Protein backbone atom coordinates (compact mmCIF):
# COMPACT_ATOMS: atom_id res chain seq x y z
CA MET A 1 -27.96 -100.88 -51.61
CA GLU A 2 -26.45 -99.78 -48.36
CA ILE A 3 -28.45 -97.62 -45.95
CA LYS A 4 -26.47 -95.56 -43.46
CA ILE A 5 -27.89 -93.76 -40.44
CA LEU A 6 -26.24 -90.51 -39.46
CA SER A 7 -26.40 -88.36 -36.36
CA PRO A 8 -26.63 -84.58 -36.43
CA LEU A 9 -24.17 -82.48 -34.46
CA TRP A 10 -27.00 -79.92 -34.09
CA GLY A 11 -28.00 -79.67 -30.43
CA HIS A 12 -24.67 -80.99 -29.14
CA GLU A 13 -22.37 -78.11 -29.93
CA HIS A 14 -21.65 -77.73 -26.21
CA LEU A 15 -19.79 -81.05 -26.18
CA PRO A 16 -16.14 -81.45 -27.22
CA ILE A 17 -16.13 -82.90 -30.72
CA SER A 18 -14.15 -85.92 -29.44
CA ASP A 19 -16.82 -86.72 -26.83
CA PHE A 20 -19.68 -86.41 -29.29
CA LEU A 21 -18.09 -88.55 -31.95
CA GLU A 22 -17.45 -91.31 -29.46
CA LYS A 23 -21.03 -90.99 -28.20
CA ILE A 24 -22.57 -91.53 -31.64
CA ARG A 25 -20.15 -94.32 -32.58
CA VAL A 26 -20.99 -96.27 -29.42
CA ALA A 27 -24.71 -95.65 -30.04
CA GLY A 28 -24.39 -97.38 -33.38
CA TYR A 29 -24.45 -94.54 -35.90
CA HIS A 30 -22.63 -95.00 -39.19
CA GLY A 31 -21.52 -91.35 -39.31
CA ILE A 32 -22.41 -87.71 -38.91
CA ASP A 33 -24.39 -85.02 -40.72
CA THR A 34 -22.81 -81.68 -39.87
CA TRP A 35 -21.43 -78.33 -40.91
CA ILE A 36 -17.66 -77.99 -41.12
CA PRO A 37 -16.27 -76.83 -37.73
CA ASP A 38 -14.62 -73.42 -37.63
CA ASP A 39 -11.89 -74.54 -35.27
CA LEU A 40 -8.96 -76.13 -37.11
CA GLY A 41 -8.29 -78.58 -34.30
CA ASP A 42 -11.88 -79.74 -34.27
CA LYS A 43 -11.89 -79.99 -38.03
CA LEU A 44 -8.80 -82.23 -38.15
CA TYR A 45 -10.01 -84.33 -35.25
CA LEU A 46 -13.37 -84.89 -36.99
CA TYR A 47 -11.79 -85.95 -40.28
CA ASN A 48 -9.24 -88.26 -38.60
CA TYR A 49 -11.82 -89.89 -36.32
CA LEU A 50 -14.12 -90.67 -39.19
CA ARG A 51 -11.31 -92.29 -41.19
CA ARG A 52 -10.01 -94.21 -38.20
CA HIS A 53 -13.44 -95.72 -37.45
CA ASP A 54 -14.64 -96.12 -41.05
CA MET A 55 -17.50 -93.71 -40.47
CA VAL A 56 -19.04 -91.44 -43.11
CA ILE A 57 -19.97 -87.79 -43.33
CA VAL A 58 -22.65 -85.71 -45.04
CA THR A 59 -21.57 -82.10 -44.89
CA HIS A 60 -24.06 -79.31 -44.45
CA GLN A 61 -23.98 -76.08 -46.44
CA HIS A 62 -26.09 -73.67 -44.45
CA GLY A 63 -23.91 -70.60 -44.15
CA ALA A 64 -24.25 -68.92 -47.53
CA ALA A 65 -25.11 -65.29 -46.95
CA GLY A 66 -25.03 -61.84 -48.54
CA ASN A 67 -26.98 -58.63 -48.84
CA THR A 68 -27.32 -59.07 -52.61
CA PHE A 69 -27.86 -62.09 -54.84
CA LYS A 70 -24.34 -61.68 -56.24
CA GLU A 71 -22.87 -61.78 -52.73
CA PHE A 72 -24.96 -64.81 -51.88
CA CYS A 73 -23.73 -66.68 -54.98
CA THR A 74 -20.09 -65.97 -54.07
CA SER A 75 -20.66 -67.14 -50.50
CA PHE A 76 -22.58 -70.20 -51.73
CA VAL A 77 -19.73 -71.41 -53.94
CA LYS A 78 -17.15 -70.74 -51.20
CA ASN A 79 -19.22 -72.84 -48.73
CA LEU A 80 -19.65 -75.70 -51.20
CA TYR A 81 -15.87 -75.98 -51.63
CA GLU A 82 -15.36 -75.94 -47.88
CA CYS A 83 -17.94 -78.71 -47.53
CA ALA A 84 -16.11 -80.81 -50.14
CA VAL A 85 -12.82 -81.01 -48.16
CA PRO A 86 -13.53 -84.20 -46.14
CA GLY A 87 -14.85 -86.09 -49.18
CA PRO A 88 -18.48 -86.39 -48.05
CA LEU A 89 -20.98 -88.84 -49.44
CA LEU A 90 -22.95 -85.74 -50.43
CA ILE A 91 -23.49 -82.14 -49.46
CA ASN A 92 -26.82 -81.23 -47.93
CA SER A 93 -27.52 -77.62 -48.90
CA HIS A 94 -29.75 -74.90 -47.56
CA THR A 95 -30.00 -73.40 -51.03
CA GLY A 96 -31.37 -69.96 -51.87
CA ARG A 97 -34.03 -67.92 -50.15
CA ASP A 98 -37.79 -68.03 -50.33
CA TRP A 99 -37.74 -64.38 -51.37
CA PHE A 100 -35.28 -64.80 -54.26
CA SER A 101 -36.88 -64.87 -57.70
CA ASN A 102 -37.46 -68.23 -59.35
CA ASP A 103 -34.74 -67.41 -61.89
CA GLN A 104 -32.27 -66.58 -59.12
CA ASN A 105 -32.98 -69.88 -57.33
CA LEU A 106 -32.71 -71.78 -60.61
CA ALA A 107 -29.30 -70.16 -61.11
CA LEU A 108 -28.19 -71.50 -57.70
CA ILE A 109 -29.36 -75.02 -58.67
CA ASP A 110 -27.24 -74.67 -61.82
CA ILE A 111 -24.21 -73.52 -59.80
CA ALA A 112 -24.62 -76.57 -57.52
CA ALA A 113 -24.94 -78.91 -60.53
CA GLU A 114 -21.76 -77.45 -62.11
CA PHE A 115 -19.94 -77.90 -58.80
CA SER A 116 -21.16 -81.52 -58.52
CA ASP A 117 -19.97 -82.32 -62.03
CA LYS A 118 -16.58 -80.82 -61.32
CA MET A 119 -16.03 -82.32 -57.85
CA ASN A 120 -18.01 -85.59 -58.30
CA ILE A 121 -19.89 -84.87 -55.06
CA PRO A 122 -23.72 -84.66 -55.17
CA VAL A 123 -25.27 -81.48 -53.84
CA VAL A 124 -28.83 -82.07 -52.67
CA HIS A 125 -31.15 -79.26 -51.74
CA GLU A 126 -32.95 -79.55 -48.42
CA THR A 127 -36.72 -78.99 -48.38
CA HIS A 128 -36.43 -76.40 -45.64
CA ARG A 129 -38.54 -73.42 -44.67
CA GLY A 130 -37.07 -70.13 -45.84
CA ARG A 131 -35.12 -71.79 -48.68
CA LEU A 132 -35.97 -72.39 -52.32
CA GLY A 133 -37.78 -75.69 -51.68
CA PHE A 134 -39.77 -74.43 -48.68
CA SER A 135 -43.11 -75.81 -49.92
CA PRO A 136 -44.25 -78.61 -52.23
CA GLN A 137 -45.69 -76.02 -54.58
CA MET A 138 -42.28 -74.35 -55.05
CA ALA A 139 -40.41 -77.62 -55.21
CA HIS A 140 -42.78 -78.76 -57.98
CA TYR A 141 -41.73 -75.73 -60.02
CA PHE A 142 -38.02 -76.59 -59.63
CA PHE A 143 -38.62 -80.29 -60.37
CA ASP A 144 -40.28 -79.29 -63.62
CA ASN A 145 -37.51 -76.89 -64.61
CA ARG A 146 -34.31 -78.68 -63.54
CA GLU A 147 -33.44 -82.37 -63.81
CA SER A 148 -30.48 -81.65 -61.53
CA TYR A 149 -32.78 -80.57 -58.66
CA ASN A 150 -32.35 -83.49 -56.27
CA ILE A 151 -33.31 -83.13 -52.62
CA THR A 152 -32.77 -83.90 -49.00
CA ALA A 153 -36.31 -84.96 -48.10
CA ASP A 154 -37.26 -83.27 -44.85
CA PHE A 155 -41.00 -83.46 -45.23
CA SER A 156 -41.52 -82.12 -41.70
CA HIS A 157 -41.14 -78.65 -43.17
CA TRP A 158 -43.75 -79.27 -45.84
CA THR A 159 -46.32 -80.65 -43.44
CA CYS A 160 -45.81 -77.57 -41.29
CA VAL A 161 -45.93 -75.05 -44.15
CA THR A 162 -49.05 -76.56 -45.74
CA GLU A 163 -50.75 -77.43 -42.39
CA SER A 164 -51.45 -80.89 -43.80
CA LEU A 165 -50.05 -84.37 -44.15
CA LEU A 166 -49.65 -83.54 -47.87
CA GLU A 167 -52.82 -85.28 -48.97
CA ASN A 168 -53.30 -82.78 -51.79
CA PHE A 169 -49.78 -83.09 -53.24
CA ALA A 170 -49.68 -86.70 -54.50
CA GLU A 171 -48.04 -85.86 -57.82
CA THR A 172 -45.41 -83.66 -56.23
CA MET A 173 -44.67 -86.27 -53.56
CA THR A 174 -44.14 -88.94 -56.22
CA THR A 175 -41.59 -86.69 -57.94
CA ALA A 176 -39.99 -85.65 -54.65
CA ILE A 177 -39.54 -89.27 -53.68
CA SER A 178 -37.90 -90.04 -57.02
CA ARG A 179 -35.50 -87.10 -56.56
CA THR A 180 -34.50 -87.90 -52.94
CA ARG A 181 -30.83 -88.68 -52.26
CA HIS A 182 -30.82 -88.04 -48.48
CA VAL A 183 -33.48 -88.09 -45.80
CA HIS A 184 -33.84 -86.04 -42.63
CA ALA A 185 -35.84 -88.43 -40.47
CA ARG A 186 -37.77 -85.97 -38.31
CA ILE A 187 -41.50 -86.29 -37.79
CA GLY A 188 -43.36 -83.05 -38.26
CA PHE A 189 -47.08 -82.44 -38.12
CA GLU A 190 -49.65 -79.96 -39.33
CA ASN A 191 -48.67 -77.27 -36.83
CA GLY A 192 -44.99 -77.73 -36.37
CA PRO A 193 -41.76 -79.23 -37.78
CA GLN A 194 -41.26 -81.65 -34.87
CA VAL A 195 -43.63 -83.67 -32.72
CA PRO A 196 -42.71 -83.41 -29.01
CA ASP A 197 -41.75 -87.08 -28.67
CA PRO A 198 -42.30 -89.74 -31.37
CA ARG A 199 -42.36 -92.47 -28.67
CA ASP A 200 -45.78 -91.16 -27.58
CA PRO A 201 -48.52 -93.34 -29.19
CA GLU A 202 -50.47 -90.12 -29.86
CA TRP A 203 -48.24 -89.64 -32.95
CA ASN A 204 -48.43 -93.20 -34.34
CA SER A 205 -50.65 -92.29 -37.27
CA VAL A 206 -48.40 -89.42 -38.25
CA ILE A 207 -45.28 -91.62 -37.95
CA ALA A 208 -46.97 -94.17 -40.19
CA LYS A 209 -47.43 -91.51 -42.85
CA TYR A 210 -43.69 -90.64 -42.79
CA LEU A 211 -42.69 -94.27 -42.82
CA GLY A 212 -44.80 -94.75 -45.92
CA TRP A 213 -42.92 -91.95 -47.68
CA TRP A 214 -39.56 -93.31 -46.50
CA ASP A 215 -40.45 -96.83 -47.65
CA ARG A 216 -41.08 -95.47 -51.11
CA ILE A 217 -37.77 -93.54 -51.04
CA VAL A 218 -35.87 -96.73 -50.08
CA GLU A 219 -37.56 -98.73 -52.82
CA THR A 220 -37.01 -96.05 -55.45
CA ASN A 221 -33.31 -95.74 -54.64
CA LYS A 222 -32.95 -99.51 -54.89
CA GLN A 223 -34.63 -99.50 -58.30
CA LEU A 224 -32.25 -96.71 -59.43
CA HIS A 225 -29.33 -98.95 -58.32
CA ARG A 226 -27.95 -96.38 -55.94
CA GLN A 227 -25.10 -97.71 -53.84
CA VAL A 228 -25.86 -95.74 -50.69
CA LEU A 229 -28.91 -94.00 -49.18
CA THR A 230 -28.43 -91.89 -46.07
CA PHE A 231 -30.86 -91.03 -43.27
CA THR A 232 -30.14 -88.47 -40.56
CA THR A 233 -32.21 -88.73 -37.34
CA GLU A 234 -32.74 -85.02 -37.10
CA PHE A 235 -34.93 -84.30 -34.09
CA GLY A 236 -33.56 -80.99 -32.83
CA PRO A 237 -33.03 -79.03 -29.64
CA ARG A 238 -34.98 -76.02 -28.44
CA PRO A 239 -36.85 -74.29 -30.06
CA TYR A 240 -37.70 -77.32 -32.25
CA MET A 241 -37.98 -79.31 -29.02
CA PRO A 242 -40.86 -77.98 -26.90
CA CYS A 243 -39.94 -76.94 -23.34
CA ILE A 244 -41.76 -76.78 -20.06
CA PRO A 245 -42.91 -73.15 -19.55
CA PHE A 246 -40.72 -71.02 -17.30
CA SER A 247 -38.17 -73.78 -16.72
CA GLN A 248 -36.92 -74.13 -20.35
CA ARG A 249 -36.55 -77.83 -19.59
CA PRO A 250 -37.10 -79.92 -22.75
CA VAL A 251 -39.99 -82.30 -22.73
CA ALA A 252 -37.77 -85.14 -24.02
CA ASP A 253 -34.09 -85.94 -24.33
CA GLN A 254 -33.01 -85.08 -27.89
CA PHE A 255 -30.33 -87.79 -28.13
CA GLU A 256 -32.66 -90.48 -26.76
CA VAL A 257 -35.32 -89.49 -29.28
CA ASN A 258 -32.86 -89.65 -32.17
CA CYS A 259 -31.59 -93.04 -30.97
CA PHE A 260 -35.23 -94.21 -30.92
CA MET A 261 -35.55 -93.07 -34.54
CA MET A 262 -32.31 -94.82 -35.44
CA GLU A 263 -33.55 -98.11 -33.97
CA LEU A 264 -36.88 -97.69 -35.74
CA LEU A 265 -35.09 -97.34 -39.08
CA VAL A 266 -32.64 -100.16 -38.35
CA GLU A 267 -35.50 -102.56 -37.60
CA ARG A 268 -37.71 -101.45 -40.47
CA TYR A 269 -35.01 -101.66 -43.16
CA ASN A 270 -32.94 -104.46 -41.61
CA ILE A 271 -29.90 -102.20 -41.61
CA THR A 272 -26.44 -103.59 -40.89
CA ASN A 273 -23.05 -102.68 -42.24
CA LYS A 274 -23.61 -105.10 -45.07
CA LEU A 275 -25.29 -104.50 -48.41
CA ILE A 276 -29.03 -105.01 -48.44
């Protein structure tokens, strides 16, 4: 199985796309996890750069919207097709809303599954606050009711929502790990989705918890004979990143933190460009 580490564009929108792509390539990333740019020039540059340097992309469906469920469904499908254009390894989707009914969110999972079958591109549903998988309790319901409900495991949201390190959700975590196709490697804690700086030894015990979950995800994907497993180092900018009061100066450099996470993963899983 091949493990690829991706960089988010999130937090670097102020940079020209050409500068950012070169920055992540030189840093050692295998590719990018991003939404599709609106600007046609940026879009074409992104696709061409990735092909030229044999880098990969996970596209990010986060823009589905609408004042009614019907409008949301129409927008959801439109966004999925836009995300499919560059031939991503998979589509990471912010699916549904936490205030939609269970039946409505199940319908969205079915729409995504139909799209995946048609386009041969996996759609995985991010465990994100405000979306259908915002908590382990809700995810458990969808696991039980849809075999097609596979996830982007961003457990930082669950630790924040439950104010725990998920000690009381062992069964759900086992299922979640078995359904994970993509990982957002951000370290959350009981009172927030992102620790200020994972390089601080204060967070070592929390990091160890996440590494244990990720170890199990890696092993499970190997046992399932998956060809590729992707991780995105997804520490974010303000307001995920705490800032010094009054100055709005971040307490850590986002890119440095994500590169630290990349190196942590590379060392732990002996990641190269070769099959492992």
